[in-house]
PDB file of N, CA and C in Angstrom:
ATOM      1  N   MET A   1     -45.554 -15.841-213.042  1.00  0.00           N
ATOM      2  CA  MET A   1     -44.618 -16.318-212.046  1.00  0.00           C
ATOM      3  C   MET A   1     -45.042 -15.904-210.637  1.00  0.00           C
ATOM      4  N   ILE A   2     -45.537 -14.660-210.511  1.00  0.00           N
ATOM      5  CA  ILE A   2     -45.976 -14.183-209.209  1.00  0.00           C
ATOM      6  C   ILE A   2     -47.189 -14.976-208.741  1.00  0.00           C
ATOM      7  N   THR A   3     -48.112 -15.266-209.639  1.00  0.00           N
ATOM      8  CA  THR A   3     -49.298 -16.049-209.289  1.00  0.00           C
ATOM      9  C   THR A   3     -48.903 -17.429-208.791  1.00  0.00           C
ATOM     10  N   ARG A   4     -47.955 -18.057-209.458  1.00  0.00           N
ATOM     11  CA  ARG A   4     -47.489 -19.388-209.061  1.00  0.00           C
ATOM     12  C   ARG A   4     -46.847 -19.328-207.677  1.00  0.00           C
ATOM     13  N   SER A   5     -46.093 -18.296-207.414  1.00  0.00           N
ATOM     14  CA  SER A   5     -45.427 -18.119-206.130  1.00  0.00           C
ATOM     15  C   SER A   5     -46.455 -17.895-205.015  1.00  0.00           C
ATOM     16  N   LEU A   6     -47.463 -17.071-205.288  1.00  0.00           N
ATOM     17  CA  LEU A   6     -48.513 -16.829-204.297  1.00  0.00           C
ATOM     18  C   LEU A   6     -49.313 -18.098-204.022  1.00  0.00           C
ATOM     19  N   THR A   7     -49.588 -18.867-205.050  1.00  0.00           N
ATOM     20  CA  THR A   7     -50.325 -20.114-204.890  1.00  0.00           C
ATOM     21  C   THR A   7     -49.525 -21.087-204.020  1.00  0.00           C
ATOM     22  N   ALA A   8     -48.245 -21.199-204.280  1.00  0.00           N
ATOM     23  CA  ALA A   8     -47.394 -22.094-203.494  1.00  0.00           C
ATOM     24  C   ALA A   8     -47.334 -21.643-202.038  1.00  0.00           C
ATOM     25  N   THR A   9     -47.234 -20.355-201.818  1.00  0.00           N
ATOM     26  CA  THR A   9     -47.194 -19.820-200.457  1.00  0.00           C
ATOM     27  C   THR A   9     -48.519 -20.077-199.743  1.00  0.00           C
ATOM     28  N   THR A  10     -49.620 -19.860-200.422  1.00  0.00           N
ATOM     29  CA  THR A  10     -50.945 -20.093-199.847  1.00  0.00           C
ATOM     30  C   THR A  10     -51.119 -21.561-199.466  1.00  0.00           C
ATOM     31  N   LEU A  11     -50.719 -22.460-200.349  1.00  0.00           N
ATOM     32  CA  LEU A  11     -50.824 -23.894-200.062  1.00  0.00           C
ATOM     33  C   LEU A  11     -49.946 -24.287-198.879  1.00  0.00           C
ATOM     34  N   ALA A  12     -48.756 -23.730-198.819  1.00  0.00           N
ATOM     35  CA  ALA A  12     -47.845 -24.036-197.712  1.00  0.00           C
ATOM     36  C   ALA A  12     -48.434 -23.560-196.387  1.00  0.00           C
ATOM     37  N   LEU A  13     -48.987 -22.347-196.371  1.00  0.00           N
ATOM     38  CA  LEU A  13     -49.602 -21.834-195.147  1.00  0.00           C
ATOM     39  C   LEU A  13     -50.819 -22.657-194.739  1.00  0.00           C
ATOM     40  N   ALA A  14     -51.607 -23.083-195.701  1.00  0.00           N
ATOM     41  CA  ALA A  14     -52.774 -23.916-195.399  1.00  0.00           C
ATOM     42  C   ALA A  14     -52.338 -25.244-194.786  1.00  0.00           C
ATOM     43  N   ALA A  15     -51.301 -25.832-195.337  1.00  0.00           N
ATOM     44  CA  ALA A  15     -50.805 -27.106-194.808  1.00  0.00           C
ATOM     45  C   ALA A  15     -50.274 -26.940-193.392  1.00  0.00           C
ATOM     46  N   LEU A  16     -49.547 -25.872-193.152  1.00  0.00           N
ATOM     47  CA  LEU A  16     -49.004 -25.635-191.817  1.00  0.00           C
ATOM     48  C   LEU A  16     -50.107 -25.367-190.804  1.00  0.00           C
ATOM     49  N   SER A  17     -51.094 -24.579-191.174  1.00  0.00           N
ATOM     50  CA  SER A  17     -52.158 -24.264-190.230  1.00  0.00           C
ATOM     51  C   SER A  17     -53.019 -25.487-189.933  1.00  0.00           C
ATOM     52  N   SER A  18     -53.270 -26.338-190.911  1.00  0.00           N
ATOM     53  CA  SER A  18     -54.058 -27.549-190.641  1.00  0.00           C
ATOM     54  C   SER A  18     -53.263 -28.500-189.764  1.00  0.00           C
ATOM     55  N   GLY A  19     -51.967 -28.552-189.956  1.00  0.00           N
ATOM     56  CA  GLY A  19     -51.119 -29.384-189.106  1.00  0.00           C
ATOM     57  C   GLY A  19     -51.108 -28.882-187.678  1.00  0.00           C
ATOM     58  N   ALA A  20     -51.097 -27.566-187.501  1.00  0.00           N
ATOM     59  CA  ALA A  20     -51.135 -26.981-186.160  1.00  0.00           C
ATOM     60  C   ALA A  20     -52.461 -27.275-185.489  1.00  0.00           C
ATOM     61  N   ALA A  21     -53.542 -27.220-186.228  1.00  0.00           N
ATOM     62  CA  ALA A  21     -54.857 -27.520-185.666  1.00  0.00           C
ATOM     63  C   ALA A  21     -54.924 -28.975-185.228  1.00  0.00           C
ATOM     64  N   MET A  22     -54.395 -29.867-186.020  1.00  0.00           N
ATOM     65  CA  MET A  22     -54.400 -31.287-185.663  1.00  0.00           C
ATOM     66  C   MET A  22     -53.518 -31.530-184.447  1.00  0.00           C
ATOM     67  N   ALA A  23     -52.419 -30.815-184.340  1.00  0.00           N
ATOM     68  CA  ALA A  23     -51.506 -30.996-183.218  1.00  0.00           C
ATOM     69  C   ALA A  23     -52.163 -30.583-181.908  1.00  0.00           C
ATOM     70  N   GLN A  24     -53.071 -29.631-181.937  1.00  0.00           N
ATOM     71  CA  GLN A  24     -53.729 -29.187-180.723  1.00  0.00           C
ATOM     72  C   GLN A  24     -54.676 -30.233-180.179  1.00  0.00           C
ATOM     73  N   GLU A  25     -55.157 -31.145-180.991  1.00  0.00           N
ATOM     74  CA  GLU A  25     -56.066 -32.182-180.536  1.00  0.00           C
ATOM     75  C   GLU A  25     -55.358 -33.246-179.707  1.00  0.00           C
ATOM     76  N   LYS A  26     -54.069 -33.381-179.858  1.00  0.00           N
ATOM     77  CA  LYS A  26     -53.310 -34.399-179.158  1.00  0.00           C
ATOM     78  C   LYS A  26     -52.140 -33.732-178.439  1.00  0.00           C
ATOM     79  N   PRO A  27     -52.104 -33.796-177.096  1.00  0.00           N
ATOM     80  CA  PRO A  27     -51.002 -33.186-176.366  1.00  0.00           C
ATOM     81  C   PRO A  27     -49.655 -33.772-176.785  1.00  0.00           C
ATOM     82  N   MET A  28     -48.600 -33.068-176.422  1.00  0.00           N
ATOM     83  CA  MET A  28     -47.257 -33.479-176.827  1.00  0.00           C
ATOM     84  C   MET A  28     -46.846 -34.834-176.262  1.00  0.00           C
ATOM     85  N   ASP A  29     -47.469 -35.267-175.159  1.00  0.00           N
ATOM     86  CA  ASP A  29     -47.091 -36.557-174.586  1.00  0.00           C
ATOM     87  C   ASP A  29     -47.663 -37.739-175.365  1.00  0.00           C
ATOM     88  N   GLY A  30     -48.422 -37.459-176.433  1.00  0.00           N
ATOM     89  CA  GLY A  30     -48.948 -38.509-177.294  1.00  0.00           C
ATOM     90  C   GLY A  30     -50.283 -39.079-176.846  1.00  0.00           C
ATOM     91  N   LYS A  31     -50.769 -38.682-175.667  1.00  0.00           N
ATOM     92  CA  LYS A  31     -52.052 -39.176-175.176  1.00  0.00           C
ATOM     93  C   LYS A  31     -53.163 -38.287-175.723  1.00  0.00           C
ATOM     94  N   PRO A  32     -54.333 -38.851-176.006  1.00  0.00           N
ATOM     95  CA  PRO A  32     -55.435 -38.021-176.506  1.00  0.00           C
ATOM     96  C   PRO A  32     -55.924 -37.061-175.415  1.00  0.00           C
ATOM     97  N   ALA A  33     -56.438 -35.912-175.815  1.00  0.00           N
ATOM     98  CA  ALA A  33     -56.998 -34.959-174.866  1.00  0.00           C
ATOM     99  C   ALA A  33     -58.216 -35.608-174.198  1.00  0.00           C
ATOM    100  N   MET A  34     -58.361 -35.362-172.905  1.00  0.00           N
ATOM    101  CA  MET A  34     -59.456 -35.959-172.146  1.00  0.00           C
ATOM    102  C   MET A  34     -60.304 -34.856-171.519  1.00  0.00           C
ATOM    103  N   GLU A  35     -61.562 -35.195-171.190  1.00  0.00           N
ATOM    104  CA  GLU A  35     -62.436 -34.255-170.510  1.00  0.00           C
ATOM    105  C   GLU A  35     -63.249 -34.998-169.455  1.00  0.00           C
ATOM    106  N   LYS A  36     -63.705 -34.254-168.447  1.00  0.00           N
ATOM    107  CA  LYS A  36     -64.559 -34.835-167.414  1.00  0.00           C
ATOM    108  C   LYS A  36     -65.956 -35.014-167.992  1.00  0.00           C
ATOM    109  N   CYS A  37     -66.534 -36.190-167.762  1.00  0.00           N
ATOM    110  CA  CYS A  37     -67.879 -36.470-168.241  1.00  0.00           C
ATOM    111  C   CYS A  37     -68.713 -36.974-167.061  1.00  0.00           C
ATOM    112  N   PHE A  38     -69.744 -36.216-166.715  1.00  0.00           N
ATOM    113  CA  PHE A  38     -70.595 -36.545-165.577  1.00  0.00           C
ATOM    114  C   PHE A  38     -71.731 -37.475-165.985  1.00  0.00           C
ATOM    115  N   GLY A  39     -72.088 -38.372-165.050  1.00  0.00           N
ATOM    116  CA  GLY A  39     -73.246 -39.233-165.245  1.00  0.00           C
ATOM    117  C   GLY A  39     -73.005 -40.472-166.086  1.00  0.00           C
ATOM    118  N   VAL A  40     -71.747 -40.836-166.338  1.00  0.00           N
ATOM    119  CA  VAL A  40     -71.476 -42.015-167.169  1.00  0.00           C
ATOM    120  C   VAL A  40     -70.743 -43.124-166.416  1.00  0.00           C
ATOM    121  N   ALA A  41     -70.289 -42.845-165.192  1.00  0.00           N
ATOM    122  CA  ALA A  41     -69.514 -43.829-164.434  1.00  0.00           C
ATOM    123  C   ALA A  41     -70.414 -44.852-163.754  1.00  0.00           C
ATOM    124  N   MET A  42     -69.919 -46.067-163.693  1.00  0.00           N
ATOM    125  CA  MET A  42     -70.617 -47.114-162.947  1.00  0.00           C
ATOM    126  C   MET A  42     -70.293 -46.935-161.459  1.00  0.00           C
ATOM    127  N   ALA A  43     -71.098 -47.498-160.577  1.00  0.00           N
ATOM    128  CA  ALA A  43     -70.880 -47.392-159.134  1.00  0.00           C
ATOM    129  C   ALA A  43     -69.464 -47.836-158.778  1.00  0.00           C
ATOM    130  N   GLY A  44     -68.772 -46.992-158.028  1.00  0.00           N
ATOM    131  CA  GLY A  44     -67.413 -47.299-157.589  1.00  0.00           C
ATOM    132  C   GLY A  44     -66.356 -47.186-158.664  1.00  0.00           C
ATOM    133  N   LYS A  45     -66.695 -46.693-159.850  1.00  0.00           N
ATOM    134  CA  LYS A  45     -65.735 -46.608-160.955  1.00  0.00           C
ATOM    135  C   LYS A  45     -65.483 -45.165-161.414  1.00  0.00           C
ATOM    136  N   ASN A  46     -65.968 -44.178-160.644  1.00  0.00           N
ATOM    137  CA  ASN A  46     -65.745 -42.783-161.030  1.00  0.00           C
ATOM    138  C   ASN A  46     -64.270 -42.418-160.862  1.00  0.00           C
ATOM    139  N   ASP A  47     -63.827 -41.386-161.570  1.00  0.00           N
ATOM    140  CA  ASP A  47     -62.433 -40.975-161.486  1.00  0.00           C
ATOM    141  C   ASP A  47     -62.158 -40.098-160.276  1.00  0.00           C
ATOM    142  N   CYS A  48     -63.096 -39.252-159.857  1.00  0.00           N
ATOM    143  CA  CYS A  48     -62.873 -38.441-158.660  1.00  0.00           C
ATOM    144  C   CYS A  48     -64.102 -37.617-158.323  1.00  0.00           C
ATOM    145  N   ALA A  49     -64.105 -37.040-157.125  1.00  0.00           N
ATOM    146  CA  ALA A  49     -65.079 -36.075-156.639  1.00  0.00           C
ATOM    147  C   ALA A  49     -66.520 -36.352-157.029  1.00  0.00           C
ATOM    148  N   ALA A  50     -67.146 -37.281-156.341  1.00  0.00           N
ATOM    149  CA  ALA A  50     -68.538 -37.609-156.617  1.00  0.00           C
ATOM    150  C   ALA A  50     -69.487 -36.882-155.669  1.00  0.00           C
ATOM    151  N   GLY A  51     -69.125 -35.700-155.238  1.00  0.00           N
ATOM    152  CA  GLY A  51     -70.017 -34.868-154.433  1.00  0.00           C
ATOM    153  C   GLY A  51     -69.952 -35.150-152.948  1.00  0.00           C
ATOM    154  N   PRO A  52     -70.912 -34.569-152.192  1.00  0.00           N
ATOM    155  CA  PRO A  52     -70.927 -34.710-150.734  1.00  0.00           C
ATOM    156  C   PRO A  52     -70.956 -36.170-150.298  1.00  0.00           C
ATOM    157  N   GLY A  53     -70.186 -36.456-149.273  1.00  0.00           N
ATOM    158  CA  GLY A  53     -70.158 -37.809-148.742  1.00  0.00           C
ATOM    159  C   GLY A  53     -69.174 -38.730-149.450  1.00  0.00           C
ATOM    160  N   THR A  54     -68.453 -38.213-150.433  1.00  0.00           N
ATOM    161  CA  THR A  54     -67.457 -39.022-151.131  1.00  0.00           C
ATOM    162  C   THR A  54     -66.112 -38.303-151.075  1.00  0.00           C
ATOM    163  N   THR A  55     -65.056 -39.040-151.256  1.00  0.00           N
ATOM    164  CA  THR A  55     -63.732 -38.438-151.188  1.00  0.00           C
ATOM    165  C   THR A  55     -63.116 -38.284-152.565  1.00  0.00           C
ATOM    166  N   CYS A  56     -63.037 -39.361-153.299  1.00  0.00           N
ATOM    167  CA  CYS A  56     -62.420 -39.253-154.624  1.00  0.00           C
ATOM    168  C   CYS A  56     -62.728 -40.492-155.456  1.00  0.00           C
ATOM    169  N   ALA A  57     -61.750 -40.942-156.202  1.00  0.00           N
ATOM    170  CA  ALA A  57     -61.940 -42.038-157.158  1.00  0.00           C
ATOM    171  C   ALA A  57     -62.551 -43.277-156.509  1.00  0.00           C
ATOM    172  N   GLY A  58     -63.513 -43.850-157.221  1.00  0.00           N
ATOM    173  CA  GLY A  58     -64.119 -45.107-156.789  1.00  0.00           C
ATOM    174  C   GLY A  58     -65.120 -44.985-155.664  1.00  0.00           C
ATOM    175  N   THR A  59     -65.635 -43.783-155.418  1.00  0.00           N
ATOM    176  CA  THR A  59     -66.538 -43.597-154.284  1.00  0.00           C
ATOM    177  C   THR A  59     -67.993 -43.339-154.666  1.00  0.00           C
ATOM    178  N   SER A  60     -68.322 -43.371-155.945  1.00  0.00           N
ATOM    179  CA  SER A  60     -69.729 -43.158-156.322  1.00  0.00           C
ATOM    180  C   SER A  60     -70.563 -44.332-155.830  1.00  0.00           C
ATOM    181  N   LYS A  61     -71.781 -44.050-155.437  1.00  0.00           N
ATOM    182  CA  LYS A  61     -72.636 -45.056-154.799  1.00  0.00           C
ATOM    183  C   LYS A  61     -73.564 -45.788-155.764  1.00  0.00           C
ATOM    184  N   MET A  62     -73.831 -45.186-156.934  1.00  0.00           N
ATOM    185  CA  MET A  62     -74.745 -45.837-157.862  1.00  0.00           C
ATOM    186  C   MET A  62     -74.284 -45.619-159.307  1.00  0.00           C
ATOM    187  N   ASP A  63     -74.753 -46.470-160.193  1.00  0.00           N
ATOM    188  CA  ASP A  63     -74.442 -46.333-161.613  1.00  0.00           C
ATOM    189  C   ASP A  63     -74.992 -45.016-162.152  1.00  0.00           C
ATOM    190  N   TYR A  64     -74.228 -44.372-162.990  1.00  0.00           N
ATOM    191  CA  TYR A  64     -74.628 -43.147-163.693  1.00  0.00           C
ATOM    192  C   TYR A  64     -74.983 -42.004-162.743  1.00  0.00           C
ATOM    193  N   GLN A  65     -74.324 -41.964-161.591  1.00  0.00           N
ATOM    194  CA  GLN A  65     -74.554 -40.901-160.607  1.00  0.00           C
ATOM    195  C   GLN A  65     -74.240 -39.549-161.244  1.00  0.00           C
ATOM    196  N   GLY A  66     -75.163 -38.613-161.173  1.00  0.00           N
ATOM    197  CA  GLY A  66     -75.051 -37.343-161.886  1.00  0.00           C
ATOM    198  C   GLY A  66     -73.916 -36.441-161.470  1.00  0.00           C
ATOM    199  N   ASN A  67     -73.405 -36.599-160.228  1.00  0.00           N
ATOM    200  CA  ASN A  67     -72.309 -35.742-159.790  1.00  0.00           C
ATOM    201  C   ASN A  67     -70.967 -36.477-159.779  1.00  0.00           C
ATOM    202  N   ALA A  68     -70.926 -37.678-160.317  1.00  0.00           N
ATOM    203  CA  ALA A  68     -69.683 -38.451-160.428  1.00  0.00           C
ATOM    204  C   ALA A  68     -69.199 -38.371-161.868  1.00  0.00           C
ATOM    205  N   TRP A  69     -67.896 -38.167-162.044  1.00  0.00           N
ATOM    206  CA  TRP A  69     -67.377 -38.046-163.409  1.00  0.00           C
ATOM    207  C   TRP A  69     -66.309 -39.067-163.719  1.00  0.00           C
ATOM    208  N   LYS A  70     -66.111 -39.248-164.990  1.00  0.00           N
ATOM    209  CA  LYS A  70     -65.115 -40.169-165.539  1.00  0.00           C
ATOM    210  C   LYS A  70     -64.403 -39.422-166.660  1.00  0.00           C
ATOM    211  N   PHE A  71     -63.096 -39.608-166.798  1.00  0.00           N
ATOM    212  CA  PHE A  71     -62.378 -39.026-167.934  1.00  0.00           C
ATOM    213  C   PHE A  71     -62.722 -39.808-169.194  1.00  0.00           C
ATOM    214  N   VAL A  72     -63.058 -39.093-170.265  1.00  0.00           N
ATOM    215  CA  VAL A  72     -63.350 -39.698-171.569  1.00  0.00           C
ATOM    216  C   VAL A  72     -62.607 -38.884-172.632  1.00  0.00           C
ATOM    217  N   PRO A  73     -62.370 -39.443-173.804  1.00  0.00           N
ATOM    218  CA  PRO A  73     -61.716 -38.669-174.864  1.00  0.00           C
ATOM    219  C   PRO A  73     -62.490 -37.386-175.156  1.00  0.00           C
ATOM    220  N   ALA A  74     -61.758 -36.283-175.302  1.00  0.00           N
ATOM    221  CA  ALA A  74     -62.373 -34.977-175.548  1.00  0.00           C
ATOM    222  C   ALA A  74     -63.314 -35.039-176.746  1.00  0.00           C
ATOM    223  N   GLY A  75     -64.486 -34.432-176.575  1.00  0.00           N
ATOM    224  CA  GLY A  75     -65.459 -34.375-177.651  1.00  0.00           C
ATOM    225  C   GLY A  75     -66.431 -35.537-177.698  1.00  0.00           C
ATOM    226  N   THR A  76     -66.293 -36.510-176.787  1.00  0.00           N
ATOM    227  CA  THR A  76     -67.175 -37.678-176.833  1.00  0.00           C
ATOM    228  C   THR A  76     -68.223 -37.703-175.729  1.00  0.00           C
ATOM    229  N   CYS A  77     -68.052 -36.899-174.694  1.00  0.00           N
ATOM    230  CA  CYS A  77     -68.918 -36.981-173.514  1.00  0.00           C
ATOM    231  C   CYS A  77     -70.403 -36.900-173.850  1.00  0.00           C
ATOM    232  N   THR A  78     -70.802 -35.880-174.548  1.00  0.00           N
ATOM    233  CA  THR A  78     -72.233 -35.667-174.790  1.00  0.00           C
ATOM    234  C   THR A  78     -72.830 -36.653-175.794  1.00  0.00           C
ATOM    235  N   THR A  79     -72.005 -37.531-176.336  1.00  0.00           N
ATOM    236  CA  THR A  79     -72.517 -38.558-177.247  1.00  0.00           C
ATOM    237  C   THR A  79     -72.668 -39.912-176.550  1.00  0.00           C
ATOM    238  N   ILE A  80     -72.255 -39.987-175.286  1.00  0.00           N
ATOM    239  CA  ILE A  80     -72.352 -41.240-174.534  1.00  0.00           C
ATOM    240  C   ILE A  80     -73.772 -41.385-174.000  1.00  0.00           C
ATOM    241  N   LYS A  81     -74.453 -42.439-174.420  1.00  0.00           N
ATOM    242  CA  LYS A  81     -75.841 -42.678-174.023  1.00  0.00           C
ATOM    243  C   LYS A  81     -75.868 -43.665-172.861  1.00  0.00           C
ATOM    244  N   THR A  82     -76.608 -43.331-171.822  1.00  0.00           N
ATOM    245  CA  THR A  82     -76.779 -44.207-170.665  1.00  0.00           C
ATOM    246  C   THR A  82     -78.280 -44.423-170.452  1.00  0.00           C
ATOM    247  N   PRO A  83     -78.663 -45.355-169.572  1.00  0.00           N
ATOM    248  CA  PRO A  83     -80.089 -45.536-169.282  1.00  0.00           C
ATOM    249  C   PRO A  83     -80.740 -44.289-168.675  1.00  0.00           C
ATOM    250  N   LYS A  84     -79.917 -43.381-168.134  1.00  0.00           N
ATOM    251  CA  LYS A  84     -80.439 -42.146-167.537  1.00  0.00           C
ATOM    252  C   LYS A  84     -80.299 -40.951-168.445  1.00  0.00           C
ATOM    253  N   GLY A  85     -79.901 -41.134-169.678  1.00  0.00           N
ATOM    254  CA  GLY A  85     -79.731 -40.017-170.604  1.00  0.00           C
ATOM    255  C   GLY A  85     -78.311 -39.949-171.147  1.00  0.00           C
ATOM    256  N   MET A  86     -77.932 -38.788-171.633  1.00  0.00           N
ATOM    257  CA  MET A  86     -76.613 -38.602-172.236  1.00  0.00           C
ATOM    258  C   MET A  86     -75.615 -38.110-171.180  1.00  0.00           C
ATOM    259  N   GLY A  87     -74.332 -38.316-171.460  1.00  0.00           N
ATOM    260  CA  GLY A  87     -73.282 -37.784-170.609  1.00  0.00           C
ATOM    261  C   GLY A  87     -73.332 -36.267-170.622  1.00  0.00           C
ATOM    262  N   SER A  88     -72.771 -35.645-169.587  1.00  0.00           N
ATOM    263  CA  SER A  88     -72.827 -34.197-169.453  1.00  0.00           C
ATOM    264  C   SER A  88     -71.454 -33.637-169.064  1.00  0.00           C
ATOM    265  N   LEU A  89     -71.150 -32.454-169.566  1.00  0.00           N
ATOM    266  CA  LEU A  89     -69.901 -31.784-169.207  1.00  0.00           C
ATOM    267  C   LEU A  89     -70.020 -31.059-167.867  1.00  0.00           C
ATOM    268  N   ARG A  90     -71.216 -31.047-167.286  1.00  0.00           N
ATOM    269  CA  ARG A  90     -71.464 -30.412-165.989  1.00  0.00           C
ATOM    270  C   ARG A  90     -72.141 -31.413-165.070  1.00  0.00           C
ATOM    271  N   SER A  91     -71.913 -31.220-163.771  1.00  0.00           N
ATOM    272  CA  SER A  91     -72.565 -32.062-162.780  1.00  0.00           C
ATOM    273  C   SER A  91     -74.078 -31.943-162.911  1.00  0.00           C
ATOM    274  N   MET A  92     -74.751 -33.059-162.806  1.00  0.00           N
ATOM    275  CA  MET A  92     -76.229 -33.056-162.986  1.00  0.00           C
ATOM    276  C   MET A  92     -76.942 -33.140-161.652  1.00  0.00           C
TER     277      MET A  92
END
């Protein structure tokens, strides 16, 4: 009986902890977590701060500008392939 009780408790804790881990991937507002990804924005389509000489969103001067970033779903940035290489979590 004790073994059965411990097994049930262990399974319940595992289910709760996996649910908590999944909940952290998606904020409470229901939108997916996002991250800044440098070097993937097209000219004039960056989300903000494209370095010296620019003010904010839409000010990048060329495609895949290394210091211009775009918000992308968390965990996908470094898998985005461009003609200039992969996306980066840091300004290039």
